[in-house]
Amino acid sequence: MQYLSEFLLLATALQMALISPGPDFMITIKQTINQGKKYAYYSSLGIGFGIVIHLVYTFLGFGLIIKVFPDFLNFVRILGAIYLIYLGIGSFRSNSSKIKIKSEKDKQYSFKKSFILGFLCNLLNPKATLFFLSIFTTIVSINTPFYIQGLYGLYCVLANILWYILIANILSQKKNMELFNKYRNIIDKFIGTVLILLGLKIIF
């Protein structure tokens, strides 16, 4: 019970971040529409693994590195922004003629590629870097035992994976997907625009 209030505050902050659409959310939509929910599951796992990396360097004192080498965060930010713009341009180039979700594995695609896509999207997202650095330096006390912080981190990973799996399931339902299929061309352009704007916003 000693750390319950701390955990609830962290969980609330994380949930608000999840509800707010960002690159991970857009990637989940893109994977579900273009490849199917099974591929979105793997991109969700990739997102979760990206969070593991964020947590590892947070626990290892990456905040101190940023204080000593502030330009390093700028490098991460620019790299992440370029990747988001790249994904956005890819949405504009996607073929929207076939709007049926694929129930079978695409020979030109793979679960591994979906995993890597989710992983890179999260890992190169500077907002994720700042989010975990901020919550583990402002919400979590330095006196909180490391194993408790580890449980916090495990919750963050599982919460993200389950959230995006839930999103993929919602989007894969027939009625919901009919709406997406109907407006897929517009949705692809919208997702691409959002990703590009996110990238440009991060740069500038």
N, C-alpha and C. Protein backbone atom coordinates (compact mmCIF):
# COMPACT_ATOMS: atom_id res chain seq x y z
N MET A 1 0.82 -1.22 0.00
CA MET A 1 0.00 0.00 0.00
C MET A 1 0.85 1.27 0.00
N GLN A 2 2.12 1.11 0.41
CA GLN A 2 2.99 2.27 0.53
C GLN A 2 3.19 2.97 -0.81
N TYR A 3 3.23 2.17 -1.88
CA TYR A 3 3.52 2.74 -3.19
C TYR A 3 2.29 2.78 -4.10
N LEU A 4 1.11 2.53 -3.51
CA LEU A 4 -0.11 2.48 -4.31
C LEU A 4 -0.43 3.82 -4.96
N SER A 5 -0.34 4.90 -4.18
CA SER A 5 -0.64 6.23 -4.73
C SER A 5 0.33 6.61 -5.84
N GLU A 6 1.59 6.23 -5.67
CA GLU A 6 2.60 6.50 -6.68
C GLU A 6 2.28 5.74 -7.96
N PHE A 7 1.90 4.47 -7.80
CA PHE A 7 1.56 3.65 -8.96
C PHE A 7 0.32 4.17 -9.68
N LEU A 8 -0.70 4.57 -8.92
CA LEU A 8 -1.94 5.07 -9.52
C LEU A 8 -1.68 6.35 -10.32
N LEU A 9 -0.81 7.20 -9.81
CA LEU A 9 -0.48 8.43 -10.51
C LEU A 9 0.26 8.11 -11.81
N LEU A 10 1.20 7.17 -11.74
CA LEU A 10 1.94 6.76 -12.93
C LEU A 10 1.01 6.12 -13.94
N ALA A 11 0.12 5.24 -13.47
CA ALA A 11 -0.82 4.54 -14.36
C ALA A 11 -1.76 5.52 -15.04
N THR A 12 -2.19 6.54 -14.30
CA THR A 12 -3.08 7.55 -14.88
C THR A 12 -2.37 8.34 -15.97
N ALA A 13 -1.13 8.75 -15.69
CA ALA A 13 -0.36 9.50 -16.68
C ALA A 13 -0.14 8.65 -17.94
N LEU A 14 0.13 7.37 -17.75
CA LEU A 14 0.35 6.48 -18.89
C LEU A 14 -0.92 6.32 -19.71
N GLN A 15 -2.05 6.15 -19.03
CA GLN A 15 -3.31 5.95 -19.75
C GLN A 15 -3.69 7.19 -20.56
N MET A 16 -3.44 8.37 -20.00
CA MET A 16 -3.72 9.59 -20.74
C MET A 16 -2.85 9.68 -22.00
N ALA A 17 -1.62 9.22 -21.86
CA ALA A 17 -0.71 9.22 -23.03
C ALA A 17 -1.20 8.23 -24.08
N LEU A 18 -1.73 7.09 -23.64
CA LEU A 18 -2.22 6.08 -24.57
C LEU A 18 -3.47 6.54 -25.30
N ILE A 19 -4.36 7.21 -24.58
CA ILE A 19 -5.61 7.69 -25.19
C ILE A 19 -5.33 8.74 -26.25
N SER A 20 -4.32 9.57 -25.98
CA SER A 20 -3.96 10.62 -26.94
C SER A 20 -3.30 10.00 -28.15
N PRO A 21 -3.90 10.12 -29.36
CA PRO A 21 -3.33 9.49 -30.55
C PRO A 21 -1.93 10.00 -30.85
N GLY A 22 -1.05 9.07 -31.10
CA GLY A 22 0.33 9.41 -31.45
C GLY A 22 0.85 8.46 -32.51
N PRO A 23 2.15 8.44 -32.75
CA PRO A 23 2.73 7.57 -33.77
C PRO A 23 2.39 6.09 -33.59
N ASP A 24 2.44 5.59 -32.34
CA ASP A 24 2.13 4.18 -32.10
C ASP A 24 0.69 3.86 -32.46
N PHE A 25 -0.20 4.76 -32.14
CA PHE A 25 -1.62 4.58 -32.46
C PHE A 25 -1.82 4.55 -33.98
N MET A 26 -1.15 5.46 -34.66
CA MET A 26 -1.28 5.53 -36.12
C MET A 26 -0.72 4.27 -36.78
N ILE A 27 0.38 3.77 -36.25
CA ILE A 27 0.97 2.56 -36.81
C ILE A 27 0.04 1.37 -36.61
N THR A 28 -0.61 1.31 -35.46
CA THR A 28 -1.55 0.22 -35.18
C THR A 28 -2.71 0.25 -36.18
N ILE A 29 -3.22 1.44 -36.44
CA ILE A 29 -4.29 1.59 -37.43
C ILE A 29 -3.80 1.14 -38.80
N LYS A 30 -2.63 1.61 -39.17
CA LYS A 30 -2.07 1.30 -40.49
C LYS A 30 -1.88 -0.21 -40.67
N GLN A 31 -1.33 -0.87 -39.65
CA GLN A 31 -1.11 -2.30 -39.74
C GLN A 31 -2.42 -3.08 -39.82
N THR A 32 -3.40 -2.67 -39.02
CA THR A 32 -4.69 -3.37 -39.01
C THR A 32 -5.39 -3.25 -40.34
N ILE A 33 -5.37 -2.06 -40.91
CA ILE A 33 -6.06 -1.83 -42.18
C ILE A 33 -5.34 -2.50 -43.34
N ASN A 34 -4.04 -2.32 -43.40
CA ASN A 34 -3.29 -2.80 -44.56
C ASN A 34 -2.95 -4.28 -44.51
N GLN A 35 -2.73 -4.83 -43.30
CA GLN A 35 -2.26 -6.21 -43.20
C GLN A 35 -3.19 -7.13 -42.41
N GLY A 36 -3.94 -6.58 -41.46
CA GLY A 36 -4.81 -7.41 -40.62
C GLY A 36 -4.38 -7.35 -39.17
N LYS A 37 -5.28 -7.76 -38.28
CA LYS A 37 -5.04 -7.57 -36.85
C LYS A 37 -3.88 -8.42 -36.33
N LYS A 38 -3.62 -9.59 -36.94
CA LYS A 38 -2.51 -10.42 -36.47
C LYS A 38 -1.18 -9.69 -36.63
N TYR A 39 -1.06 -8.95 -37.71
CA TYR A 39 0.16 -8.18 -37.93
C TYR A 39 0.24 -7.01 -36.94
N ALA A 40 -0.93 -6.45 -36.62
CA ALA A 40 -0.98 -5.37 -35.63
C ALA A 40 -0.58 -5.89 -34.25
N TYR A 41 -0.89 -7.16 -33.96
CA TYR A 41 -0.46 -7.75 -32.70
C TYR A 41 1.07 -7.73 -32.60
N TYR A 42 1.72 -8.09 -33.68
CA TYR A 42 3.18 -8.13 -33.68
C TYR A 42 3.79 -6.73 -33.60
N SER A 43 3.15 -5.77 -34.25
CA SER A 43 3.65 -4.39 -34.13
C SER A 43 3.43 -3.89 -32.70
N SER A 44 2.36 -4.37 -32.04
CA SER A 44 2.11 -4.03 -30.64
C SER A 44 3.22 -4.59 -29.75
N LEU A 45 3.63 -5.82 -30.04
CA LEU A 45 4.75 -6.41 -29.30
C LEU A 45 6.03 -5.61 -29.54
N GLY A 46 6.21 -5.15 -30.77
CA GLY A 46 7.37 -4.31 -31.09
C GLY A 46 7.35 -3.01 -30.30
N ILE A 47 6.16 -2.42 -30.19
CA ILE A 47 6.01 -1.20 -29.39
C ILE A 47 6.39 -1.47 -27.94
N GLY A 48 5.92 -2.61 -27.42
CA GLY A 48 6.24 -2.98 -26.05
C GLY A 48 7.73 -3.17 -25.84
N PHE A 49 8.41 -3.78 -26.83
CA PHE A 49 9.85 -4.00 -26.71
C PHE A 49 10.60 -2.67 -26.79
N GLY A 50 10.07 -1.73 -27.58
CA GLY A 50 10.66 -0.41 -27.63
C GLY A 50 10.59 0.27 -26.27
N ILE A 51 9.49 0.07 -25.57
CA ILE A 51 9.32 0.65 -24.23
C ILE A 51 10.32 0.04 -23.26
N VAL A 52 10.60 -1.26 -23.43
CA VAL A 52 11.61 -1.90 -22.60
C VAL A 52 12.95 -1.17 -22.72
N ILE A 53 13.31 -0.81 -23.95
CA ILE A 53 14.57 -0.08 -24.17
C ILE A 53 14.53 1.28 -23.48
N HIS A 54 13.40 1.98 -23.61
CA HIS A 54 13.25 3.28 -22.94
C HIS A 54 13.43 3.13 -21.43
N LEU A 55 12.84 2.08 -20.87
CA LEU A 55 12.90 1.87 -19.43
C LEU A 55 14.33 1.51 -18.99
N VAL A 56 15.01 0.73 -19.80
CA VAL A 56 16.37 0.31 -19.44
C VAL A 56 17.29 1.51 -19.32
N TYR A 57 17.28 2.39 -20.35
CA TYR A 57 18.20 3.53 -20.26
C TYR A 57 17.72 4.55 -19.22
N THR A 58 16.41 4.56 -18.94
CA THR A 58 15.92 5.44 -17.88
C THR A 58 16.45 4.96 -16.53
N PHE A 59 16.38 3.65 -16.30
CA PHE A 59 16.88 3.09 -15.05
C PHE A 59 18.39 3.22 -14.92
N LEU A 60 19.07 3.23 -16.06
CA LEU A 60 20.54 3.32 -16.04
C LEU A 60 21.04 4.76 -15.95
N GLY A 61 20.11 5.70 -15.82
CA GLY A 61 20.51 7.08 -15.63
C GLY A 61 20.75 7.86 -16.90
N PHE A 62 19.90 7.60 -17.93
CA PHE A 62 20.05 8.31 -19.19
C PHE A 62 19.81 9.82 -19.01
N GLY A 63 19.01 10.16 -17.98
CA GLY A 63 18.75 11.57 -17.70
C GLY A 63 20.03 12.32 -17.42
N LEU A 64 20.97 11.65 -16.74
CA LEU A 64 22.26 12.28 -16.45
C LEU A 64 23.06 12.49 -17.72
N ILE A 65 22.98 11.52 -18.64
CA ILE A 65 23.69 11.64 -19.92
C ILE A 65 23.18 12.85 -20.70
N ILE A 66 21.85 13.02 -20.68
CA ILE A 66 21.26 14.16 -21.40
C ILE A 66 21.71 15.48 -20.79
N LYS A 67 21.84 15.52 -19.46
CA LYS A 67 22.30 16.74 -18.81
C LYS A 67 23.73 17.07 -19.21
N VAL A 68 24.54 16.03 -19.35
CA VAL A 68 25.95 16.23 -19.72
C VAL A 68 26.09 16.49 -21.22
N PHE A 69 25.29 15.74 -22.02
CA PHE A 69 25.35 15.87 -23.48
C PHE A 69 23.94 16.18 -24.03
N PRO A 70 23.48 17.41 -23.85
CA PRO A 70 22.12 17.77 -24.28
C PRO A 70 21.90 17.61 -25.78
N ASP A 71 22.96 17.71 -26.57
CA ASP A 71 22.82 17.57 -28.03
C ASP A 71 22.44 16.16 -28.43
N PHE A 72 22.71 15.19 -27.56
CA PHE A 72 22.37 13.80 -27.89
C PHE A 72 20.86 13.63 -28.01
N LEU A 73 20.09 14.30 -27.14
CA LEU A 73 18.64 14.23 -27.22
C LEU A 73 18.15 14.88 -28.50
N ASN A 74 18.82 15.96 -28.92
CA ASN A 74 18.46 16.60 -30.19
C ASN A 74 18.67 15.64 -31.35
N PHE A 75 19.75 14.88 -31.29
CA PHE A 75 20.03 13.88 -32.33
C PHE A 75 18.92 12.83 -32.37
N VAL A 76 18.52 12.33 -31.20
CA VAL A 76 17.45 11.34 -31.12
C VAL A 76 16.15 11.93 -31.65
N ARG A 77 15.89 13.19 -31.31
CA ARG A 77 14.67 13.84 -31.74
C ARG A 77 14.61 13.97 -33.26
N ILE A 78 15.69 14.43 -33.86
CA ILE A 78 15.73 14.59 -35.32
C ILE A 78 15.60 13.24 -36.02
N LEU A 79 16.30 12.23 -35.50
CA LEU A 79 16.24 10.89 -36.09
C LEU A 79 14.82 10.35 -36.04
N GLY A 80 14.17 10.52 -34.90
CA GLY A 80 12.79 10.06 -34.76
C GLY A 80 11.84 10.81 -35.67
N ALA A 81 12.06 12.12 -35.81
CA ALA A 81 11.20 12.94 -36.67
C ALA A 81 11.31 12.51 -38.13
N ILE A 82 12.54 12.25 -38.57
CA ILE A 82 12.76 11.80 -39.95
C ILE A 82 12.06 10.47 -40.20
N TYR A 83 12.10 9.60 -39.21
CA TYR A 83 11.45 8.29 -39.36
C TYR A 83 9.94 8.44 -39.47
N LEU A 84 9.36 9.33 -38.67
CA LEU A 84 7.92 9.57 -38.73
C LEU A 84 7.51 10.12 -40.10
N ILE A 85 8.31 11.04 -40.61
CA ILE A 85 8.03 11.61 -41.94
C ILE A 85 8.12 10.53 -43.01
N TYR A 86 9.10 9.66 -42.87
CA TYR A 86 9.27 8.53 -43.80
C TYR A 86 8.02 7.64 -43.80
N LEU A 87 7.50 7.33 -42.60
CA LEU A 87 6.29 6.51 -42.50
C LEU A 87 5.09 7.24 -43.10
N GLY A 88 5.04 8.55 -42.89
CA GLY A 88 3.93 9.34 -43.43
C GLY A 88 3.93 9.34 -44.95
N ILE A 89 5.09 9.51 -45.54
CA ILE A 89 5.20 9.48 -47.00
C ILE A 89 4.79 8.11 -47.52
N GLY A 90 5.14 7.06 -46.77
CA GLY A 90 4.75 5.72 -47.15
C GLY A 90 3.24 5.54 -47.20
N SER A 91 2.52 6.22 -46.31
CA SER A 91 1.06 6.15 -46.32
C SER A 91 0.48 6.76 -47.58
N PHE A 92 1.10 7.83 -48.08
CA PHE A 92 0.62 8.46 -49.31
C PHE A 92 0.89 7.57 -50.53
N ARG A 93 1.93 6.74 -50.42
CA ARG A 93 2.29 5.88 -51.54
C ARG A 93 1.58 4.53 -51.51
N SER A 94 0.87 4.24 -50.40
CA SER A 94 0.23 2.93 -50.27
C SER A 94 -0.87 2.74 -51.29
N ASN A 95 -1.06 1.49 -51.71
CA ASN A 95 -2.08 1.15 -52.69
C ASN A 95 -3.42 0.98 -52.00
N SER A 96 -4.37 1.86 -52.27
CA SER A 96 -5.67 1.82 -51.60
C SER A 96 -6.75 1.18 -52.45
N SER A 97 -6.36 0.53 -53.56
CA SER A 97 -7.36 -0.08 -54.44
C SER A 97 -7.97 -1.33 -53.80
N LYS A 98 -7.14 -2.07 -53.05
CA LYS A 98 -7.63 -3.27 -52.37
C LYS A 98 -7.92 -2.91 -50.92
N ILE A 99 -9.18 -2.83 -50.57
CA ILE A 99 -9.54 -2.37 -49.24
C ILE A 99 -9.95 -3.50 -48.31
N LYS A 100 -9.83 -4.73 -48.77
CA LYS A 100 -10.18 -5.87 -47.93
C LYS A 100 -9.01 -6.23 -47.04
N ILE A 101 -9.30 -6.41 -45.75
CA ILE A 101 -8.25 -6.81 -44.82
C ILE A 101 -7.82 -8.24 -45.16
N LYS A 102 -6.54 -8.46 -45.17
CA LYS A 102 -6.01 -9.75 -45.59
C LYS A 102 -6.09 -10.75 -44.45
N SER A 103 -6.76 -11.87 -44.69
CA SER A 103 -6.89 -12.91 -43.67
C SER A 103 -5.72 -13.89 -43.73
N GLU A 104 -4.97 -13.88 -44.82
CA GLU A 104 -3.83 -14.76 -44.97
C GLU A 104 -2.55 -13.93 -45.03
N LYS A 105 -1.47 -14.58 -44.72
CA LYS A 105 -0.18 -13.90 -44.69
C LYS A 105 0.24 -13.45 -46.08
N ASP A 106 0.62 -12.20 -46.18
CA ASP A 106 1.09 -11.63 -47.44
C ASP A 106 2.53 -12.10 -47.68
N LYS A 107 2.78 -12.65 -48.86
CA LYS A 107 4.11 -13.15 -49.17
C LYS A 107 5.14 -12.02 -49.18
N GLN A 108 4.66 -10.79 -49.41
CA GLN A 108 5.56 -9.65 -49.45
C GLN A 108 5.72 -9.01 -48.07
N TYR A 109 5.07 -9.58 -47.07
CA TYR A 109 5.12 -9.00 -45.74
C TYR A 109 5.39 -10.11 -44.73
N SER A 110 5.68 -9.75 -43.50
CA SER A 110 5.95 -10.76 -42.48
C SER A 110 5.65 -10.21 -41.10
N PHE A 111 5.46 -11.13 -40.15
CA PHE A 111 5.24 -10.73 -38.76
C PHE A 111 6.49 -10.05 -38.21
N LYS A 112 7.65 -10.51 -38.66
CA LYS A 112 8.90 -9.89 -38.22
C LYS A 112 8.97 -8.43 -38.63
N LYS A 113 8.53 -8.15 -39.85
CA LYS A 113 8.54 -6.78 -40.34
C LYS A 113 7.57 -5.92 -39.54
N SER A 114 6.43 -6.49 -39.17
CA SER A 114 5.46 -5.76 -38.35
C SER A 114 6.05 -5.44 -36.98
N PHE A 115 6.75 -6.43 -36.41
CA PHE A 115 7.38 -6.25 -35.10
C PHE A 115 8.42 -5.13 -35.16
N ILE A 116 9.26 -5.18 -36.18
CA ILE A 116 10.32 -4.18 -36.33
C ILE A 116 9.73 -2.79 -36.54
N LEU A 117 8.63 -2.72 -37.31
CA LEU A 117 7.98 -1.44 -37.56
C LEU A 117 7.49 -0.82 -36.25
N GLY A 118 6.81 -1.62 -35.43
CA GLY A 118 6.33 -1.12 -34.15
C GLY A 118 7.47 -0.75 -33.23
N PHE A 119 8.52 -1.58 -33.24
CA PHE A 119 9.68 -1.33 -32.38
C PHE A 119 10.38 -0.01 -32.73
N LEU A 120 10.66 0.19 -34.01
CA LEU A 120 11.34 1.41 -34.44
C LEU A 120 10.47 2.64 -34.23
N CYS A 121 9.17 2.49 -34.48
CA CYS A 121 8.26 3.62 -34.31
C CYS A 121 8.29 4.13 -32.87
N ASN A 122 8.28 3.19 -31.92
CA ASN A 122 8.30 3.59 -30.51
C ASN A 122 9.69 4.03 -30.07
N LEU A 123 10.70 3.27 -30.48
CA LEU A 123 12.07 3.58 -30.04
C LEU A 123 12.53 4.94 -30.52
N LEU A 124 12.14 5.33 -31.75
CA LEU A 124 12.60 6.59 -32.32
C LEU A 124 11.63 7.74 -32.06
N ASN A 125 10.66 7.48 -31.21
CA ASN A 125 9.70 8.53 -30.85
C ASN A 125 10.25 9.32 -29.66
N PRO A 126 10.71 10.55 -29.87
CA PRO A 126 11.29 11.33 -28.77
C PRO A 126 10.29 11.63 -27.66
N LYS A 127 8.99 11.63 -28.00
CA LYS A 127 7.99 11.85 -26.96
C LYS A 127 7.98 10.72 -25.95
N ALA A 128 8.23 9.49 -26.44
CA ALA A 128 8.31 8.34 -25.53
C ALA A 128 9.52 8.49 -24.62
N THR A 129 10.63 8.95 -25.19
CA THR A 129 11.84 9.18 -24.40
C THR A 129 11.57 10.17 -23.28
N LEU A 130 10.99 11.31 -23.65
CA LEU A 130 10.71 12.36 -22.67
C LEU A 130 9.67 11.90 -21.66
N PHE A 131 8.68 11.12 -22.12
CA PHE A 131 7.61 10.67 -21.22
C PHE A 131 8.16 9.81 -20.10
N PHE A 132 8.92 8.78 -20.45
CA PHE A 132 9.41 7.87 -19.42
C PHE A 132 10.48 8.51 -18.55
N LEU A 133 11.30 9.38 -19.15
CA LEU A 133 12.26 10.11 -18.32
C LEU A 133 11.55 11.01 -17.32
N SER A 134 10.45 11.62 -17.77
CA SER A 134 9.74 12.56 -16.90
C SER A 134 8.99 11.85 -15.79
N ILE A 135 8.26 10.77 -16.12
CA ILE A 135 7.45 10.12 -15.07
C ILE A 135 8.33 9.39 -14.06
N PHE A 136 9.48 8.90 -14.50
CA PHE A 136 10.35 8.19 -13.56
C PHE A 136 11.30 9.11 -12.82
N THR A 137 11.24 10.40 -13.14
CA THR A 137 12.05 11.38 -12.39
C THR A 137 11.18 12.34 -11.59
N THR A 138 9.89 12.44 -11.94
CA THR A 138 8.99 13.35 -11.22
C THR A 138 7.95 12.61 -10.39
N ILE A 139 7.38 11.54 -10.94
CA ILE A 139 6.35 10.80 -10.21
C ILE A 139 6.95 9.77 -9.27
N VAL A 140 7.93 9.04 -9.77
CA VAL A 140 8.55 7.97 -8.97
C VAL A 140 9.66 8.54 -8.10
N SER A 141 9.55 8.28 -6.81
CA SER A 141 10.55 8.79 -5.87
C SER A 141 11.87 8.04 -6.02
N ILE A 142 12.96 8.76 -5.76
CA ILE A 142 14.29 8.13 -5.84
C ILE A 142 14.45 7.09 -4.73
N ASN A 143 13.58 7.17 -3.71
CA ASN A 143 13.64 6.22 -2.59
C ASN A 143 12.84 4.95 -2.86
N THR A 144 12.10 4.94 -3.97
CA THR A 144 11.34 3.74 -4.33
C THR A 144 12.30 2.63 -4.71
N PRO A 145 12.16 1.45 -4.08
CA PRO A 145 13.08 0.33 -4.38
C PRO A 145 13.11 0.01 -5.87
N PHE A 146 14.26 -0.49 -6.32
CA PHE A 146 14.43 -0.78 -7.74
C PHE A 146 13.45 -1.84 -8.22
N TYR A 147 13.15 -2.84 -7.37
CA TYR A 147 12.24 -3.89 -7.81
C TYR A 147 10.82 -3.36 -7.97
N ILE A 148 10.45 -2.35 -7.18
CA ILE A 148 9.14 -1.72 -7.33
C ILE A 148 9.10 -0.93 -8.63
N GLN A 149 10.18 -0.21 -8.92
CA GLN A 149 10.26 0.51 -10.18
C GLN A 149 10.21 -0.46 -11.36
N GLY A 150 10.82 -1.64 -11.17
CA GLY A 150 10.76 -2.66 -12.21
C GLY A 150 9.34 -3.13 -12.47
N LEU A 151 8.54 -3.25 -11.39
CA LEU A 151 7.13 -3.62 -11.55
C LEU A 151 6.36 -2.52 -12.26
N TYR A 152 6.68 -1.26 -11.94
CA TYR A 152 6.08 -0.14 -12.66
C TYR A 152 6.38 -0.25 -14.16
N GLY A 153 7.65 -0.55 -14.45
CA GLY A 153 8.06 -0.67 -15.85
C GLY A 153 7.34 -1.81 -16.55
N LEU A 154 7.19 -2.95 -15.85
CA LEU A 154 6.47 -4.09 -16.42
C LEU A 154 5.03 -3.72 -16.74
N TYR A 155 4.42 -2.95 -15.84
CA TYR A 155 3.05 -2.51 -16.08
C TYR A 155 2.99 -1.63 -17.33
N CYS A 156 3.94 -0.73 -17.48
CA CYS A 156 3.96 0.17 -18.64
C CYS A 156 4.05 -0.63 -19.94
N VAL A 157 4.90 -1.66 -19.95
CA VAL A 157 5.07 -2.48 -21.15
C VAL A 157 3.78 -3.23 -21.47
N LEU A 158 3.22 -3.92 -20.47
CA LEU A 158 2.01 -4.72 -20.69
C LEU A 158 0.81 -3.85 -21.05
N ALA A 159 0.71 -2.68 -20.40
CA ALA A 159 -0.41 -1.78 -20.67
C ALA A 159 -0.39 -1.31 -22.12
N ASN A 160 0.79 -0.99 -22.62
CA ASN A 160 0.92 -0.55 -24.02
C ASN A 160 0.56 -1.68 -24.98
N ILE A 161 1.12 -2.87 -24.76
CA ILE A 161 0.86 -4.00 -25.65
C ILE A 161 -0.63 -4.32 -25.69
N LEU A 162 -1.25 -4.43 -24.53
CA LEU A 162 -2.67 -4.79 -24.45
C LEU A 162 -3.55 -3.70 -25.04
N TRP A 163 -3.16 -2.44 -24.86
CA TRP A 163 -3.96 -1.33 -25.39
C TRP A 163 -4.01 -1.38 -26.91
N TYR A 164 -2.85 -1.56 -27.53
CA TYR A 164 -2.82 -1.55 -28.99
C TYR A 164 -3.39 -2.84 -29.59
N ILE A 165 -3.33 -3.93 -28.85
CA ILE A 165 -4.01 -5.15 -29.28
C ILE A 165 -5.52 -4.91 -29.25
N LEU A 166 -5.99 -4.22 -28.21
CA LEU A 166 -7.42 -3.88 -28.11
C LEU A 166 -7.84 -3.00 -29.28
N ILE A 167 -7.02 -2.00 -29.60
CA ILE A 167 -7.32 -1.11 -30.72
C ILE A 167 -7.40 -1.91 -32.02
N ALA A 168 -6.47 -2.84 -32.21
CA ALA A 168 -6.46 -3.66 -33.42
C ALA A 168 -7.73 -4.51 -33.51
N ASN A 169 -8.18 -5.04 -32.37
CA ASN A 169 -9.39 -5.86 -32.36
C ASN A 169 -10.63 -5.04 -32.68
N ILE A 170 -10.68 -3.83 -32.13
CA ILE A 170 -11.82 -2.95 -32.40
C ILE A 170 -11.88 -2.61 -33.89
N LEU A 171 -10.73 -2.28 -34.45
CA LEU A 171 -10.68 -1.88 -35.85
C LEU A 171 -10.94 -3.04 -36.80
N SER A 172 -10.68 -4.27 -36.34
CA SER A 172 -10.84 -5.43 -37.21
C SER A 172 -12.27 -5.96 -37.24
N GLN A 173 -13.15 -5.43 -36.38
CA GLN A 173 -14.55 -5.85 -36.39
C GLN A 173 -15.21 -5.39 -37.68
N LYS A 174 -16.10 -6.22 -38.17
CA LYS A 174 -16.68 -6.02 -39.50
C LYS A 174 -17.30 -4.63 -39.67
N LYS A 175 -18.16 -4.24 -38.73
CA LYS A 175 -18.85 -2.95 -38.87
C LYS A 175 -17.86 -1.78 -38.85
N ASN A 176 -16.91 -1.87 -37.92
CA ASN A 176 -15.92 -0.81 -37.82
C ASN A 176 -15.03 -0.79 -39.06
N MET A 177 -14.70 -1.99 -39.55
CA MET A 177 -13.82 -2.06 -40.69
C MET A 177 -14.51 -1.62 -41.97
N GLU A 178 -15.83 -1.82 -42.04
CA GLU A 178 -16.57 -1.36 -43.22
C GLU A 178 -16.45 0.15 -43.36
N LEU A 179 -16.50 0.85 -42.23
CA LEU A 179 -16.34 2.30 -42.27
C LEU A 179 -14.93 2.68 -42.71
N PHE A 180 -13.94 1.95 -42.18
CA PHE A 180 -12.56 2.22 -42.58
C PHE A 180 -12.34 1.90 -44.05
N ASN A 181 -12.93 0.79 -44.49
CA ASN A 181 -12.78 0.41 -45.90
C ASN A 181 -13.40 1.46 -46.82
N LYS A 182 -14.55 1.98 -46.40
CA LYS A 182 -15.27 2.96 -47.20
C LYS A 182 -14.45 4.23 -47.40
N TYR A 183 -13.76 4.61 -46.35
CA TYR A 183 -13.00 5.86 -46.40
C TYR A 183 -11.49 5.60 -46.32
N ARG A 184 -11.07 4.44 -46.77
CA ARG A 184 -9.67 4.07 -46.60
C ARG A 184 -8.70 5.03 -47.27
N ASN A 185 -9.02 5.46 -48.46
CA ASN A 185 -8.12 6.36 -49.18
C ASN A 185 -7.93 7.66 -48.39
N ILE A 186 -9.02 8.16 -47.84
CA ILE A 186 -8.95 9.37 -47.02
C ILE A 186 -8.16 9.10 -45.74
N ILE A 187 -8.42 7.92 -45.14
CA ILE A 187 -7.74 7.57 -43.89
C ILE A 187 -6.24 7.44 -44.10
N ASP A 188 -5.84 6.78 -45.20
CA ASP A 188 -4.41 6.65 -45.49
C ASP A 188 -3.75 8.02 -45.59
N LYS A 189 -4.43 8.93 -46.29
CA LYS A 189 -3.87 10.28 -46.46
C LYS A 189 -3.84 11.02 -45.12
N PHE A 190 -4.89 10.79 -44.32
CA PHE A 190 -4.96 11.44 -43.01
C PHE A 190 -3.83 10.95 -42.11
N ILE A 191 -3.66 9.60 -42.06
CA ILE A 191 -2.59 9.03 -41.24
C ILE A 191 -1.23 9.55 -41.70
N GLY A 192 -1.03 9.57 -43.02
CA GLY A 192 0.23 10.08 -43.57
C GLY A 192 0.46 11.53 -43.19
N THR A 193 -0.59 12.34 -43.29
CA THR A 193 -0.48 13.75 -42.94
C THR A 193 -0.12 13.95 -41.47
N VAL A 194 -0.81 13.17 -40.60
CA VAL A 194 -0.55 13.28 -39.16
C VAL A 194 0.88 12.90 -38.83
N LEU A 195 1.36 11.80 -39.42
CA LEU A 195 2.73 11.36 -39.16
C LEU A 195 3.75 12.39 -39.64
N ILE A 196 3.51 12.96 -40.81
CA ILE A 196 4.42 13.97 -41.34
C ILE A 196 4.40 15.22 -40.46
N LEU A 197 3.21 15.64 -40.07
CA LEU A 197 3.09 16.83 -39.21
C LEU A 197 3.73 16.60 -37.85
N LEU A 198 3.57 15.37 -37.31
CA LEU A 198 4.22 15.05 -36.04
C LEU A 198 5.74 15.17 -36.19
N GLY A 199 6.25 14.63 -37.30
CA GLY A 199 7.69 14.72 -37.54
C GLY A 199 8.16 16.15 -37.68
N LEU A 200 7.43 16.95 -38.43
CA LEU A 200 7.81 18.36 -38.62
C LEU A 200 7.70 19.14 -37.31
N LYS A 201 6.68 18.83 -36.52
CA LYS A 201 6.51 19.52 -35.24
C LYS A 201 7.69 19.22 -34.31
N ILE A 202 8.12 17.96 -34.33
CA ILE A 202 9.25 17.58 -33.47
C ILE A 202 10.53 18.30 -33.90
N ILE A 203 10.72 18.42 -35.23
CA ILE A 203 11.92 19.09 -35.75
C ILE A 203 11.93 20.56 -35.39
N PHE A 204 10.77 21.23 -35.59
CA PHE A 204 10.73 22.68 -35.41
C PHE A 204 10.22 23.12 -34.05
